[in-house]
Amino acid sequence: MCGGKIKSIHARQVLDCNGRPVVEAEIVTQGGAAGCAGASTGTSVGSGEAFVLRDGDPGFYSGLSVCKAVRNVNEIIAPALIGMDVEKQEEIDDKLIELDGTKRKTRLGGNAIFAVSAAAAYAAADLKNMQLYESMTKKRPRYLFAPASNVINGGRCGGIKQDFQEFMIVPKGITSVKEAIRMVVEIFMYLPELIAKETGREVDLGSYSGHAAPDEDPFAVMDLLERAVGKLGYKKNICYALDCAATGYYDVQEKAYRYRGKLRGREEMIAVLKKLSMSYPFAFMEDVLEENDFEGFAAARKQLNTVVVGDDLLCTDKERIQKAVKIGAADGVIFKPNQAGTVTEALEAARYAKEQGMLVIPSGRAGGVLDDPEKEIGFAYEFHMFKTGAPREGSRTADINFMLRTEEKTGIPMLDIEKLPIMAHLGEAGY
């Protein structure tokens, strides 16, 4: 049988949910199966991620076009992969890695390589007339991940600069996706009314589709979230998460953090986060320090009353995760397959992390496309939480709707994160 052998590969430039050009690859097999995938890219990007190849011509899409990467798929990758079997994902990905020959996929572009790798996975699922999550593993998942939804965004807006990037709410103590999403949406919808009442300010749209932070003080932001959650009666079922994205306010020259208008050292930042973690029930804090400070992460992990997670620190890279495990720098990893460059490399990194007892948290990207595979991979391999983004717009609502549909179709319950041993701190008194 040759139904799974690749007949054609074609790439094109399309747009992500932020209107930026991305590579999309389409694979058709000799048996007529087809898979199509785009290579999402982030706005906050770790230096260890697979390289996103853009054209750099300021007169064309402001330099963001990906025509070079598209040509690399059509002229270099496609001829090399014709005849390979889409059901042999590792062989396809090994070939892609060989064709590029660099650690970060700088020759052909990580965006070119990942689009093809993900398209092959989708084609293999189509060949078997399955969803991607069904195709990837024969084991029936025991649970669906819990949502971690970004409701208040950092950045600069309306004269306010909030240094921390994402304030998230995370349902706990329940196993129903439908109920969890309802709580998230109701809190999100109530926040503008509360913020306007408490601050006298109209609520602006944030950089990541959530509400723009109404205050530069993270404690003031958390107090507003606590009041919203309490007003709606969800206090026992909601905890929080924070993405500091600390590399964004780290001054390389000064070797310090420009936090709230002042230069602050590593220990000062850890002290701020420690106080936050002792004041509110945080499920996790992400990227608490700049992306290469493994030793600092290890120090923070010993002091914070929450789970310390790496995104820019770890970049879905097995070698970086191994280093973090060796020195105790993180309890969890954000899973973004395009960071690794191929589906196989991303899975190897995530499986290793899970074997080490770490949380694995799939996440969409700020420049997402609707067919991002991380949600289906995360469900197939029983990852723990999913960073859905705010409950509005494009790829974010697509991720949320995937959770709702999957619960209804499969009857599989949502993971109650309170039951995870690593979340024992959530049961402690004192908040």
Protein backbone atom coordinates (compact mmCIF):
# COMPACT_ATOMS: atom_id res chain seq x y z
CA MET A 1 0.00 0.00 0.00
CA CYS A 2 1.32 3.45 -0.91
CA GLY A 3 -1.64 5.62 0.15
CA GLY A 4 0.44 7.45 2.73
CA LYS A 5 3.35 8.30 0.48
CA ILE A 6 3.73 12.01 -0.21
CA LYS A 7 2.60 13.02 -3.68
CA SER A 8 2.98 16.79 -3.35
CA ILE A 9 3.99 19.54 -0.94
CA HIS A 10 3.08 23.14 -1.56
CA ALA A 11 3.67 26.19 0.63
CA ARG A 12 2.11 29.64 0.51
CA GLN A 13 2.11 32.83 2.52
CA VAL A 14 -1.05 33.42 4.59
CA LEU A 15 -1.84 35.58 7.62
CA ASP A 16 -1.94 34.74 11.31
CA CYS A 17 -4.60 36.02 13.72
CA ASN A 18 -2.63 39.24 14.17
CA GLY A 19 -2.48 39.90 10.43
CA ARG A 20 1.22 38.98 10.12
CA PRO A 21 2.48 36.75 7.28
CA VAL A 22 3.15 33.10 8.10
CA VAL A 23 4.16 30.01 6.15
CA GLU A 24 1.40 27.51 5.43
CA ALA A 25 2.26 24.10 3.99
CA GLU A 26 -0.09 21.60 2.37
CA ILE A 27 0.74 17.93 1.86
CA VAL A 28 -1.24 15.54 -0.37
CA THR A 29 -0.55 11.82 -0.38
CA GLN A 30 -0.82 9.33 -3.23
CA GLY A 31 -3.98 7.99 -1.59
CA GLY A 32 -5.60 11.41 -1.53
CA ALA A 33 -5.14 12.21 2.15
CA ALA A 34 -4.24 15.81 2.88
CA GLY A 35 -2.82 17.86 5.70
CA CYS A 36 -2.44 21.61 5.97
CA ALA A 37 -0.69 23.60 8.72
CA GLY A 38 0.63 27.08 9.36
CA ALA A 39 3.70 27.98 11.40
CA SER A 40 2.53 30.24 14.20
CA THR A 41 5.00 32.71 15.66
CA GLY A 42 5.10 34.54 18.94
CA THR A 43 5.37 38.18 19.91
CA SER A 44 7.41 37.35 23.01
CA VAL A 45 10.05 35.06 21.49
CA GLY A 46 12.81 33.19 23.33
CA SER A 47 16.33 33.35 21.92
CA GLY A 48 16.52 29.55 21.97
CA GLU A 49 13.52 29.04 19.67
CA ALA A 50 13.71 27.70 16.15
CA PHE A 51 14.47 30.64 13.86
CA VAL A 52 11.61 32.42 12.10
CA LEU A 53 12.85 33.32 8.62
CA ARG A 54 11.37 36.59 7.37
CA ASP A 55 12.30 38.55 4.25
CA GLY A 56 13.29 41.78 5.98
CA ASP A 57 12.17 44.05 3.11
CA PRO A 58 10.71 47.15 4.83
CA GLY A 59 8.73 47.99 1.70
CA PHE A 60 6.84 44.68 1.70
CA TYR A 61 4.66 43.76 4.70
CA SER A 62 6.98 45.98 6.79
CA GLY A 63 9.70 43.36 6.50
CA LEU A 64 7.54 40.54 7.92
CA SER A 65 6.82 38.61 4.71
CA VAL A 66 7.96 34.98 4.55
CA CYS A 67 8.48 34.49 0.80
CA LYS A 68 12.01 33.11 1.32
CA ALA A 69 10.72 30.47 3.71
CA VAL A 70 7.90 29.60 1.28
CA ARG A 71 10.44 29.15 -1.53
CA ASN A 72 12.55 26.94 0.72
CA VAL A 73 9.57 24.63 1.17
CA ASN A 74 8.64 24.54 -2.51
CA GLU A 75 12.16 24.34 -3.97
CA ILE A 76 14.23 22.47 -1.36
CA ILE A 77 12.02 20.62 1.13
CA ALA A 78 9.29 19.38 -1.22
CA PRO A 79 11.56 17.56 -3.71
CA ALA A 80 13.41 15.87 -0.84
CA LEU A 81 10.26 14.57 0.87
CA ILE A 82 8.26 13.34 -2.14
CA GLY A 83 7.65 9.61 -1.72
CA MET A 84 8.13 9.56 2.06
CA ASP A 85 5.36 8.12 4.24
CA VAL A 86 3.34 10.60 6.32
CA GLU A 87 2.78 7.91 8.93
CA LYS A 88 6.52 7.92 9.65
CA GLN A 89 6.70 11.28 11.37
CA GLU A 90 10.14 10.75 12.88
CA GLU A 91 11.67 9.90 9.49
CA ILE A 92 10.14 13.01 7.92
CA ASP A 93 11.35 15.21 10.76
CA ASP A 94 14.83 13.68 10.67
CA LYS A 95 14.97 14.52 6.96
CA LEU A 96 13.88 18.10 7.64
CA ILE A 97 16.57 18.47 10.30
CA GLU A 98 19.18 17.02 7.93
CA LEU A 99 18.17 19.36 5.10
CA ASP A 100 18.63 22.41 7.31
CA GLY A 101 21.71 21.27 9.19
CA THR A 102 21.62 23.94 11.92
CA LYS A 103 20.55 23.79 15.58
CA ARG A 104 17.95 26.55 15.32
CA LYS A 105 16.87 25.93 11.70
CA THR A 106 18.44 29.16 10.50
CA ARG A 107 19.15 27.94 6.95
CA LEU A 108 15.66 27.00 5.76
CA GLY A 109 13.72 28.67 8.57
CA GLY A 110 12.06 27.04 11.53
CA ASN A 111 8.77 28.36 10.18
CA ALA A 112 9.28 26.53 6.85
CA ILE A 113 10.28 23.32 8.61
CA PHE A 114 7.54 23.34 11.23
CA ALA A 115 4.75 24.02 8.74
CA VAL A 116 5.79 20.91 6.79
CA SER A 117 6.25 18.79 9.91
CA ALA A 118 2.80 19.67 11.25
CA ALA A 119 1.17 19.23 7.82
CA ALA A 120 2.58 15.70 7.69
CA ALA A 121 1.01 14.92 11.07
CA TYR A 122 -2.36 16.20 9.88
CA ALA A 123 -2.07 14.22 6.64
CA ALA A 124 -1.38 11.03 8.63
CA ALA A 125 -4.52 11.67 10.67
CA ASP A 126 -6.57 12.30 7.52
CA LEU A 127 -5.23 9.07 6.02
CA LYS A 128 -6.75 7.20 8.98
CA ASN A 129 -9.90 9.36 9.00
CA MET A 130 -9.08 10.46 12.54
CA GLN A 131 -8.64 13.62 14.55
CA LEU A 132 -4.99 14.48 15.12
CA TYR A 133 -5.21 13.53 18.80
CA GLU A 134 -6.61 10.11 17.87
CA SER A 135 -3.91 9.54 15.27
CA MET A 136 -0.98 10.40 17.53
CA THR A 137 -1.50 7.78 20.24
CA LYS A 138 -3.43 4.55 20.62
CA LYS A 139 -4.04 5.21 24.31
CA ARG A 140 -7.35 6.87 25.22
CA PRO A 141 -6.62 9.99 27.28
CA ARG A 142 -7.87 9.92 30.86
CA TYR A 143 -8.48 13.65 31.09
CA LEU A 144 -8.58 16.94 29.19
CA PHE A 145 -6.28 19.75 30.31
CA ALA A 146 -7.56 22.66 32.41
CA PRO A 147 -7.66 26.15 30.84
CA ALA A 148 -5.36 28.93 31.98
CA SER A 149 -6.90 32.05 30.50
CA ASN A 150 -5.09 35.37 30.11
CA VAL A 151 -7.63 37.98 31.20
CA ILE A 152 -5.45 41.02 31.99
CA ASN A 153 -2.48 41.95 29.80
CA GLY A 154 0.68 43.83 30.60
CA GLY A 155 2.42 46.32 28.36
CA ARG A 156 1.94 50.05 27.90
CA CYS A 157 -1.59 51.35 27.41
CA GLY A 158 -3.37 54.59 28.32
CA GLY A 159 -0.37 55.99 30.16
CA ILE A 160 0.03 52.87 32.31
CA LYS A 161 2.92 50.45 31.97
CA GLN A 162 2.47 47.04 33.55
CA ASP A 163 5.71 45.06 33.31
CA PHE A 164 4.25 41.57 33.81
CA GLN A 165 2.85 40.22 30.56
CA GLU A 166 -0.13 38.01 31.49
CA PHE A 167 -2.43 37.70 34.47
CA MET A 168 -4.35 34.45 34.12
CA ILE A 169 -7.22 32.69 35.87
CA VAL A 170 -7.21 28.89 36.22
CA PRO A 171 -10.25 26.82 37.28
CA LYS A 172 -9.68 24.26 40.04
CA GLY A 173 -11.78 21.85 42.05
CA ILE A 174 -13.98 20.94 39.07
CA THR A 175 -13.82 18.42 36.21
CA SER A 176 -16.23 20.00 33.71
CA VAL A 177 -14.81 21.96 30.78
CA LYS A 178 -18.22 23.53 30.21
CA GLU A 179 -18.34 24.87 33.76
CA ALA A 180 -14.70 25.95 33.72
CA ILE A 181 -15.11 27.94 30.51
CA ARG A 182 -18.33 29.51 31.76
CA MET A 183 -16.55 30.77 34.87
CA VAL A 184 -13.65 32.12 32.83
CA VAL A 185 -15.91 33.98 30.41
CA GLU A 186 -18.15 35.40 33.14
CA ILE A 187 -15.13 36.73 35.05
CA PHE A 188 -13.67 38.17 31.84
CA MET A 189 -16.93 39.89 30.95
CA TYR A 190 -17.39 41.31 34.45
CA LEU A 191 -13.89 42.76 34.74
CA PRO A 192 -14.48 45.90 32.58
CA GLU A 193 -17.44 46.91 34.74
CA LEU A 194 -15.44 46.39 37.94
CA ILE A 195 -12.33 48.14 36.64
CA ALA A 196 -14.36 51.15 35.49
CA LYS A 197 -16.10 51.33 38.86
CA GLU A 198 -12.90 50.95 40.90
CA THR A 199 -10.57 53.13 38.83
CA GLY A 200 -12.83 55.46 36.86
CA ARG A 201 -11.05 54.32 33.68
CA GLU A 202 -12.50 52.81 30.53
CA VAL A 203 -10.95 49.43 29.83
CA ASP A 204 -8.70 49.22 26.79
CA LEU A 205 -7.92 46.18 24.66
CA GLY A 206 -4.64 44.66 25.77
CA SER A 207 -1.74 43.51 23.63
CA TYR A 208 -2.81 39.85 23.86
CA SER A 209 -6.60 40.22 23.44
CA GLY A 210 -7.26 40.50 27.17
CA HIS A 211 -8.05 43.68 29.08
CA ALA A 212 -5.22 46.19 29.37
CA ALA A 213 -3.83 46.33 32.90
CA PRO A 214 -5.45 49.23 34.82
CA ASP A 215 -2.49 49.71 37.17
CA GLU A 216 1.30 49.38 37.09
CA ASP A 217 1.25 47.66 40.50
CA PRO A 218 0.70 43.89 40.10
CA PHE A 219 -0.79 43.71 43.60
CA ALA A 220 -3.48 46.21 42.57
CA VAL A 221 -4.22 44.12 39.47
CA MET A 222 -4.46 40.96 41.56
CA ASP A 223 -6.78 42.69 44.07
CA LEU A 224 -9.13 43.56 41.20
CA LEU A 225 -9.07 39.97 39.98
CA GLU A 226 -9.78 38.71 43.49
CA ARG A 227 -12.74 41.07 43.80
CA ALA A 228 -14.16 39.98 40.46
CA VAL A 229 -13.82 36.31 41.35
CA GLY A 230 -15.33 36.86 44.79
CA LYS A 231 -18.23 38.96 43.49
CA LEU A 232 -19.24 36.15 41.11
CA GLY A 233 -18.95 33.52 43.84
CA TYR A 234 -16.10 31.55 42.26
CA LYS A 235 -13.38 31.99 44.87
CA LYS A 236 -13.14 28.29 45.76
CA ASN A 237 -12.90 27.33 42.08
CA ILE A 238 -10.39 29.85 40.73
CA CYS A 239 -6.66 30.25 41.22
CA TYR A 240 -4.21 32.33 39.21
CA ALA A 241 -1.15 32.20 36.99
CA LEU A 242 1.34 34.88 36.01
CA ASP A 243 3.58 35.18 32.97
CA CYS A 244 6.26 37.66 33.95
CA ALA A 245 8.05 37.49 30.56
CA ALA A 246 10.97 38.98 32.49
CA THR A 247 13.34 39.09 29.52
CA GLY A 248 11.18 41.91 28.18
CA TYR A 249 12.17 44.26 31.00
CA TYR A 250 15.69 42.96 31.62
CA ASP A 251 18.43 45.47 30.81
CA VAL A 252 21.38 43.51 29.43
CA GLN A 253 23.80 46.41 29.80
CA GLU A 254 22.89 47.08 33.42
CA LYS A 255 22.37 43.38 34.24
CA ALA A 256 19.23 44.37 36.11
CA TYR A 257 15.47 44.56 35.64
CA ARG A 258 13.75 47.85 34.74
CA TYR A 259 10.71 47.15 36.89
CA ARG A 260 8.24 49.93 37.69
CA GLY A 261 10.66 52.57 36.50
CA LYS A 262 13.64 51.50 38.59
CA LEU A 263 16.59 49.16 38.12
CA ARG A 264 16.26 46.14 40.36
CA GLY A 265 18.46 43.12 40.95
CA ARG A 266 17.57 39.46 40.78
CA GLU A 267 16.90 39.13 44.51
CA GLU A 268 14.61 42.17 44.51
CA MET A 269 12.52 40.63 41.73
CA ILE A 270 12.36 37.29 43.51
CA ALA A 271 11.20 39.11 46.66
CA VAL A 272 8.35 40.80 44.74
CA LEU A 273 7.24 37.48 43.27
CA LYS A 274 7.56 35.72 46.63
CA LYS A 275 5.23 38.27 48.22
CA LEU A 276 2.75 37.82 45.37
CA SER A 277 2.89 34.03 45.71
CA MET A 278 2.25 34.27 49.45
CA SER A 279 -0.65 36.71 48.98
CA TYR A 280 -2.71 34.97 46.26
CA PRO A 281 -3.27 31.33 45.19
CA PHE A 282 -1.05 31.03 42.13
CA ALA A 283 -1.01 27.74 40.24
CA PHE A 284 2.19 28.78 38.48
CA MET A 285 4.48 31.67 37.62
CA GLU A 286 6.16 31.68 34.24
CA ASP A 287 9.47 33.18 33.10
CA VAL A 288 10.11 34.82 36.45
CA LEU A 289 13.62 35.97 35.40
CA GLU A 290 15.47 36.59 32.15
CA GLU A 291 15.66 33.68 29.76
CA ASN A 292 19.23 32.48 30.38
CA ASP A 293 19.39 32.82 34.17
CA PHE A 294 19.06 29.14 35.06
CA GLU A 295 20.72 29.69 38.45
CA GLY A 296 18.33 32.53 39.23
CA PHE A 297 15.36 30.34 38.37
CA ALA A 298 16.70 27.69 40.75
CA ALA A 299 16.92 30.30 43.51
CA ALA A 300 13.39 31.54 42.77
CA ARG A 301 12.01 28.01 42.79
CA LYS A 302 13.22 27.55 46.36
CA GLN A 303 11.53 30.72 47.56
CA LEU A 304 8.24 31.08 45.69
CA ASN A 305 5.08 29.48 47.02
CA THR A 306 4.03 28.29 43.58
CA VAL A 307 5.16 26.25 40.60
CA VAL A 308 7.93 27.87 38.53
CA VAL A 309 7.51 27.34 34.79
CA GLY A 310 9.82 28.08 31.88
CA ASP A 311 8.82 29.32 28.43
CA ASP A 312 11.58 31.58 27.09
CA LEU A 313 13.85 29.75 29.55
CA LEU A 314 13.17 26.31 28.04
CA CYS A 315 11.84 26.91 24.49
CA THR A 316 10.40 23.37 24.22
CA ASP A 317 14.04 22.27 23.89
CA LYS A 318 15.06 18.97 25.48
CA GLU A 319 18.63 20.09 26.17
CA ARG A 320 17.48 23.21 28.00
CA ILE A 321 14.91 21.19 29.96
CA GLN A 322 17.61 18.68 30.94
CA LYS A 323 19.76 21.54 32.21
CA ALA A 324 16.82 22.92 34.21
CA VAL A 325 16.15 19.52 35.75
CA LYS A 326 19.81 19.04 36.67
CA ILE A 327 20.02 22.27 38.68
CA GLY A 328 16.39 22.45 39.84
CA ALA A 329 15.48 25.53 37.82
CA ALA A 330 11.85 24.76 36.92
CA ASP A 331 8.83 22.68 37.86
CA GLY A 332 7.15 22.96 34.47
CA VAL A 333 7.51 23.81 30.80
CA ILE A 334 5.34 25.73 28.35
CA PHE A 335 4.81 23.52 25.29
CA LYS A 336 4.96 25.41 21.97
CA PRO A 337 5.86 22.93 19.19
CA ASN A 338 7.03 25.56 16.72
CA GLN A 339 9.74 26.56 19.21
CA ALA A 340 11.37 23.16 18.64
CA GLY A 341 10.96 23.24 14.86
CA THR A 342 9.49 19.77 14.33
CA VAL A 343 6.68 17.78 15.91
CA THR A 344 9.10 14.99 16.86
CA GLU A 345 11.53 17.28 18.70
CA ALA A 346 8.69 19.01 20.54
CA LEU A 347 7.24 15.68 21.65
CA GLU A 348 10.62 14.40 22.81
CA ALA A 349 11.07 17.51 24.94
CA ALA A 350 7.57 17.33 26.44
CA ARG A 351 7.73 13.59 27.16
CA TYR A 352 11.06 14.02 28.92
CA ALA A 353 9.66 16.86 31.03
CA LYS A 354 6.61 14.83 32.00
CA GLU A 355 8.75 11.82 32.91
CA GLN A 356 10.65 14.11 35.30
CA GLY A 357 7.41 15.01 37.06
CA MET A 358 7.16 18.47 35.51
CA LEU A 359 3.98 20.23 34.50
CA VAL A 360 3.57 20.41 30.73
CA ILE A 361 1.40 23.32 29.61
CA PRO A 362 0.57 23.67 25.90
CA SER A 363 0.13 27.24 24.75
CA GLY A 364 -1.13 29.08 21.73
CA ARG A 365 1.00 31.88 20.34
CA ALA A 366 0.26 35.57 20.03
CA GLY A 367 0.64 35.13 16.27
CA GLY A 368 -1.48 31.98 16.09
CA VAL A 369 -3.25 30.19 13.28
CA LEU A 370 -6.46 28.19 13.70
CA ASP A 371 -4.85 24.82 12.97
CA ASP A 372 -2.13 25.00 15.61
CA PRO A 373 -1.52 21.39 16.74
CA GLU A 374 -0.46 21.94 20.36
CA LYS A 375 -3.99 21.54 21.77
CA GLU A 376 -4.49 18.15 20.08
CA ILE A 377 -1.01 16.96 21.02
CA GLY A 378 -1.59 18.12 24.58
CA PHE A 379 -4.84 16.18 24.81
CA ALA A 380 -3.37 13.04 23.25
CA TYR A 381 -0.46 12.94 25.70
CA GLU A 382 -2.35 14.06 28.83
CA PHE A 383 -0.62 17.37 29.40
CA HIS A 384 -1.88 19.32 32.39
CA MET A 385 -3.11 22.82 31.56
CA PHE A 386 -3.58 24.80 28.38
CA LYS A 387 -2.85 28.51 27.96
CA THR A 388 -5.93 29.45 25.96
CA GLY A 389 -5.38 33.19 25.89
CA ALA A 390 -8.29 35.57 26.48
CA PRO A 391 -11.77 34.27 25.57
CA ARG A 392 -12.15 36.35 22.43
CA GLU A 393 -10.74 36.58 18.90
CA GLY A 394 -9.41 34.10 16.36
CA SER A 395 -7.10 31.35 17.50
CA ARG A 396 -7.99 31.86 21.16
CA THR A 397 -11.69 31.07 20.79
CA ALA A 398 -10.75 28.22 18.44
CA ASP A 399 -8.72 26.66 21.27
CA ILE A 400 -11.53 27.13 23.78
CA ASN A 401 -14.10 25.68 21.38
CA PHE A 402 -11.82 22.68 20.80
CA MET A 403 -12.02 21.97 24.53
CA LEU A 404 -15.81 22.29 24.58
CA ARG A 405 -16.29 20.05 21.55
CA THR A 406 -13.82 17.46 22.75
CA GLU A 407 -15.47 17.14 26.15
CA GLU A 408 -18.87 16.66 24.50
CA LYS A 409 -17.64 14.18 21.88
CA THR A 410 -15.47 12.03 24.15
CA GLY A 411 -17.07 12.36 27.57
CA ILE A 412 -13.56 12.63 29.02
CA PRO A 413 -13.43 14.84 32.14
CA MET A 414 -11.19 17.85 32.66
CA LEU A 415 -8.21 17.47 34.95
CA ASP A 416 -8.78 18.93 38.40
CA ILE A 417 -5.41 20.54 38.97
CA GLU A 418 -5.92 20.50 42.74
CA LYS A 419 -5.42 16.73 42.60
CA LEU A 420 -1.88 17.06 41.24
CA PRO A 421 0.77 16.57 43.96
CA ILE A 422 2.75 19.48 42.54
CA MET A 423 -0.23 21.74 43.33
CA ALA A 424 -0.25 20.96 47.07
CA HIS A 425 0.50 24.63 47.80
CA LEU A 426 -3.01 25.56 46.60
CA GLY A 427 -4.49 23.84 49.64
CA GLU A 428 -2.39 25.80 52.10
CA ALA A 429 -4.03 28.47 54.27
CA GLY A 430 -2.91 32.07 54.47
CA TYR A 431 -4.16 33.63 51.24
